[in-house]
């Protein structure tokens, strides 16, 4: 995977692309946003905390697959939203490792948390689009992000703030903000990794 070493992070462009895609297929994005948000609502107790850990990575992968098709001008159908389950094990292991790293980052006053969410911003996109194994995808994301870390940190903070805003009103806003931020991430991935 040879990527050009320098790049510019164009946050406004990514948001414009995401909004255009979201407006074209709002029902599909909101349905998947609801499924993802509903899986997160089960995050109470020890046993039910496994629900988001198991379902969030493949549902997010399906959202990425759906969006990649749409952004490339290929019409995606409803079943594409579940194509993340095709890469279940790789997405699950990556999600588990990232969740552990995020937890450890929060324990150390949140600064390492932002490092983790920034360097691993493109892991799911790489797994879904390029079919890499979880560790190869994590390394590819980290290496590419480090080429322009502070601009990527800015993007990660903006996406985090948008998702936090979506959690207001008992999490209902996440139904729209979660898929929207994933679409922004796909637009950024295509630009930064120079993918068609």
Protein backbone atom coordinates (compact mmCIF):
# COMPACT_ATOMS: atom_id res chain seq x y z
CA UNK A 1 0.00 0.00 0.00
CA UNK A 2 2.05 2.94 -1.25
CA UNK A 3 0.56 6.25 -0.20
CA UNK A 4 1.82 9.72 -0.99
CA UNK A 5 3.72 10.93 2.07
CA UNK A 6 2.24 14.42 2.44
CA UNK A 7 -1.37 15.43 2.45
CA UNK A 8 -3.64 18.23 3.52
CA UNK A 9 -6.58 17.61 5.85
CA UNK A 10 -9.60 19.39 4.36
CA UNK A 11 -12.20 19.13 7.09
CA UNK A 12 -14.73 21.44 5.39
CA UNK A 13 -14.53 19.41 2.16
CA UNK A 14 -15.10 16.15 4.03
CA UNK A 15 -18.14 17.61 5.77
CA UNK A 16 -19.56 18.86 2.46
CA UNK A 17 -19.10 15.46 0.83
CA UNK A 18 -20.65 13.74 3.83
CA UNK A 19 -23.65 16.04 3.87
CA UNK A 20 -24.24 15.50 0.13
CA UNK A 21 -24.15 11.70 0.62
CA UNK A 22 -26.29 11.80 3.74
CA UNK A 23 -28.96 13.88 1.96
CA UNK A 24 -29.09 11.39 -0.94
CA UNK A 25 -29.82 8.35 1.26
CA UNK A 26 -31.10 9.67 4.63
CA UNK A 27 -33.40 6.74 5.37
CA UNK A 28 -30.66 4.13 4.97
CA UNK A 29 -28.17 6.13 7.03
CA UNK A 30 -30.71 6.79 9.78
CA UNK A 31 -31.76 3.12 9.91
CA UNK A 32 -28.17 2.04 10.34
CA UNK A 33 -27.61 4.89 12.79
CA UNK A 34 -30.55 3.58 14.79
CA UNK A 35 -29.19 0.00 14.78
CA UNK A 36 -25.76 1.19 15.89
CA UNK A 37 -27.17 3.49 18.57
CA UNK A 38 -29.53 0.74 19.78
CA UNK A 39 -26.58 -1.66 20.14
CA UNK A 40 -24.85 0.95 22.30
CA UNK A 41 -27.93 1.32 24.53
CA UNK A 42 -27.37 -2.25 25.70
CA UNK A 43 -24.16 -1.05 27.36
CA UNK A 44 -25.35 -1.74 30.92
CA UNK A 45 -24.07 -4.54 33.10
CA UNK A 46 -21.24 -6.94 32.43
CA UNK A 47 -22.95 -9.32 30.00
CA UNK A 48 -24.82 -6.72 28.02
CA UNK A 49 -21.68 -4.60 27.64
CA UNK A 50 -20.57 -7.25 25.15
CA UNK A 51 -23.42 -6.30 22.77
CA UNK A 52 -21.84 -3.08 21.46
CA UNK A 53 -18.40 -4.67 21.46
CA UNK A 54 -19.69 -7.47 19.23
CA UNK A 55 -22.07 -5.55 16.96
CA UNK A 56 -20.56 -2.06 16.69
CA UNK A 57 -17.49 -2.99 14.57
CA UNK A 58 -19.36 -4.97 11.86
CA UNK A 59 -22.25 -2.49 11.73
CA UNK A 60 -19.73 0.32 11.35
CA UNK A 61 -17.96 -1.74 8.70
CA UNK A 62 -21.25 -2.12 6.84
CA UNK A 63 -21.83 1.62 7.01
CA UNK A 64 -18.34 2.15 5.58
CA UNK A 65 -18.93 -0.40 2.79
CA UNK A 66 -22.28 1.24 1.93
CA UNK A 67 -20.69 4.70 1.91
CA UNK A 68 -17.68 3.65 -0.17
CA UNK A 69 -20.01 2.34 -2.87
CA UNK A 70 -22.11 5.51 -2.81
CA UNK A 71 -19.12 7.87 -2.81
CA UNK A 72 -17.69 6.01 -5.81
CA UNK A 73 -20.92 6.45 -7.75
CA UNK A 74 -22.10 2.85 -7.40
CA UNK A 75 -25.60 2.60 -5.97
CA UNK A 76 -25.55 0.65 -2.74
CA UNK A 77 -28.51 -1.41 -1.64
CA UNK A 78 -29.88 -2.06 1.83
CA UNK A 79 -28.05 -5.39 2.21
CA UNK A 80 -24.70 -3.58 1.75
CA UNK A 81 -25.19 -2.03 5.19
CA UNK A 82 -24.53 -5.45 6.67
CA UNK A 83 -21.46 -6.32 4.62
CA UNK A 84 -19.28 -5.50 7.62
CA UNK A 85 -20.18 -8.96 8.91
CA UNK A 86 -18.13 -10.35 6.00
CA UNK A 87 -15.05 -9.02 7.83
CA UNK A 88 -16.43 -9.70 11.30
CA UNK A 89 -13.37 -11.24 12.93
CA UNK A 90 -10.91 -8.61 11.66
CA UNK A 91 -13.24 -5.74 12.59
CA UNK A 92 -14.04 -7.28 15.98
CA UNK A 93 -10.39 -7.81 16.94
CA UNK A 94 -9.43 -4.32 15.76
CA UNK A 95 -12.39 -2.85 17.66
CA UNK A 96 -11.48 -4.79 20.79
CA UNK A 97 -7.83 -3.66 20.70
CA UNK A 98 -8.80 -0.05 20.00
CA UNK A 99 -11.35 -0.13 22.86
CA UNK A 100 -8.65 -1.43 25.24
CA UNK A 101 -6.22 1.29 24.10
CA UNK A 102 -8.95 3.94 24.45
CA UNK A 103 -9.77 2.74 27.98
CA UNK A 104 -6.11 2.90 28.95
CA UNK A 105 -5.90 6.37 27.39
CA UNK A 106 -8.82 7.59 29.50
CA UNK A 107 -7.12 6.26 32.63
CA UNK A 108 -4.15 8.51 31.86
CA UNK A 109 -6.03 11.83 31.86
CA UNK A 110 -7.58 11.55 28.38
CA UNK A 111 -4.61 12.90 26.41
CA UNK A 112 -3.54 9.39 25.30
CA UNK A 113 -7.21 8.71 24.46
CA UNK A 114 -7.10 11.41 21.78
CA UNK A 115 -3.86 9.96 20.46
CA UNK A 116 -5.54 6.56 20.10
CA UNK A 117 -8.70 7.81 18.38
CA UNK A 118 -6.58 9.87 16.02
CA UNK A 119 -4.04 7.29 14.93
CA UNK A 120 -6.66 4.58 14.50
CA UNK A 121 -9.21 6.76 12.70
CA UNK A 122 -8.98 4.78 9.44
CA UNK A 123 -8.64 1.19 10.67
CA UNK A 124 -12.18 0.07 9.78
CA UNK A 125 -12.01 1.80 6.39
CA UNK A 126 -8.76 0.00 5.57
CA UNK A 127 -10.12 -3.38 6.66
CA UNK A 128 -13.33 -2.97 4.65
CA UNK A 129 -11.80 -1.36 1.55
CA UNK A 130 -8.42 -3.07 1.30
CA UNK A 131 -9.11 -6.33 3.10
CA UNK A 132 -6.05 -6.07 5.35
CA UNK A 133 -5.73 -7.98 8.58
CA UNK A 134 -6.53 -6.07 11.79
CA UNK A 135 -2.91 -5.38 12.79
CA UNK A 136 -1.83 -4.39 9.27
CA UNK A 137 -4.79 -2.00 9.10
CA UNK A 138 -3.95 -0.51 12.49
CA UNK A 139 -0.34 0.03 11.42
CA UNK A 140 -1.35 1.50 8.04
CA UNK A 141 -3.71 3.95 9.75
CA UNK A 142 -1.11 4.93 12.36
CA UNK A 143 1.63 5.47 9.80
CA UNK A 144 -0.54 7.57 7.49
CA UNK A 145 -1.99 9.69 10.30
CA UNK A 146 1.48 10.42 11.69
CA UNK A 147 2.39 12.12 8.38
CA UNK A 148 0.13 15.02 9.43
CA UNK A 149 -0.74 14.23 13.05
CA UNK A 150 -1.91 17.61 14.35
CA UNK A 151 -4.30 18.23 11.48
CA UNK A 152 -5.67 14.71 11.92
CA UNK A 153 -6.00 15.36 15.66
CA UNK A 154 -8.13 18.38 14.77
CA UNK A 155 -10.39 16.20 12.62
CA UNK A 156 -10.68 13.57 15.36
CA UNK A 157 -11.61 16.23 17.94
CA UNK A 158 -14.27 17.73 15.64
CA UNK A 159 -15.80 14.29 15.02
CA UNK A 160 -15.72 13.48 18.74
CA UNK A 161 -17.45 16.76 19.62
CA UNK A 162 -20.11 16.13 16.98
CA UNK A 163 -20.78 12.66 18.40
CA UNK A 164 -20.89 14.05 21.93
CA UNK A 165 -23.46 16.59 20.78
CA UNK A 166 -25.44 13.71 19.29
CA UNK A 167 -25.54 12.01 22.68
CA UNK A 168 -27.58 14.89 24.04
CA UNK A 169 -31.30 14.22 24.39
CA UNK A 170 -30.83 10.67 25.67
CA UNK A 171 -28.59 9.66 22.79
CA UNK A 172 -31.25 10.13 20.11
CA UNK A 173 -29.07 12.58 18.17
CA UNK A 174 -26.50 9.80 17.73
CA UNK A 175 -28.86 8.17 15.25
CA UNK A 176 -27.83 10.95 12.83
CA UNK A 177 -24.42 12.05 14.10
CA UNK A 178 -22.79 8.62 14.25
CA UNK A 179 -23.42 7.72 10.59
CA UNK A 180 -22.59 11.28 9.54
CA UNK A 181 -19.20 11.20 11.28
CA UNK A 182 -18.45 7.81 9.69
CA UNK A 183 -19.26 9.29 6.26
CA UNK A 184 -16.88 12.17 7.04
CA UNK A 185 -14.24 9.57 7.96
CA UNK A 186 -14.78 7.74 4.65
CA UNK A 187 -14.42 10.99 2.70
CA UNK A 188 -11.20 11.75 4.60
CA UNK A 189 -9.92 8.21 4.02
CA UNK A 190 -10.44 8.45 0.26
CA UNK A 191 -8.64 11.78 0.12
CA UNK A 192 -5.76 11.03 2.48
CA UNK A 193 -5.08 7.51 1.20
CA UNK A 194 -5.64 8.64 -2.42
CA UNK A 195 -8.35 6.04 -3.06
CA UNK A 196 -10.83 6.33 -5.94
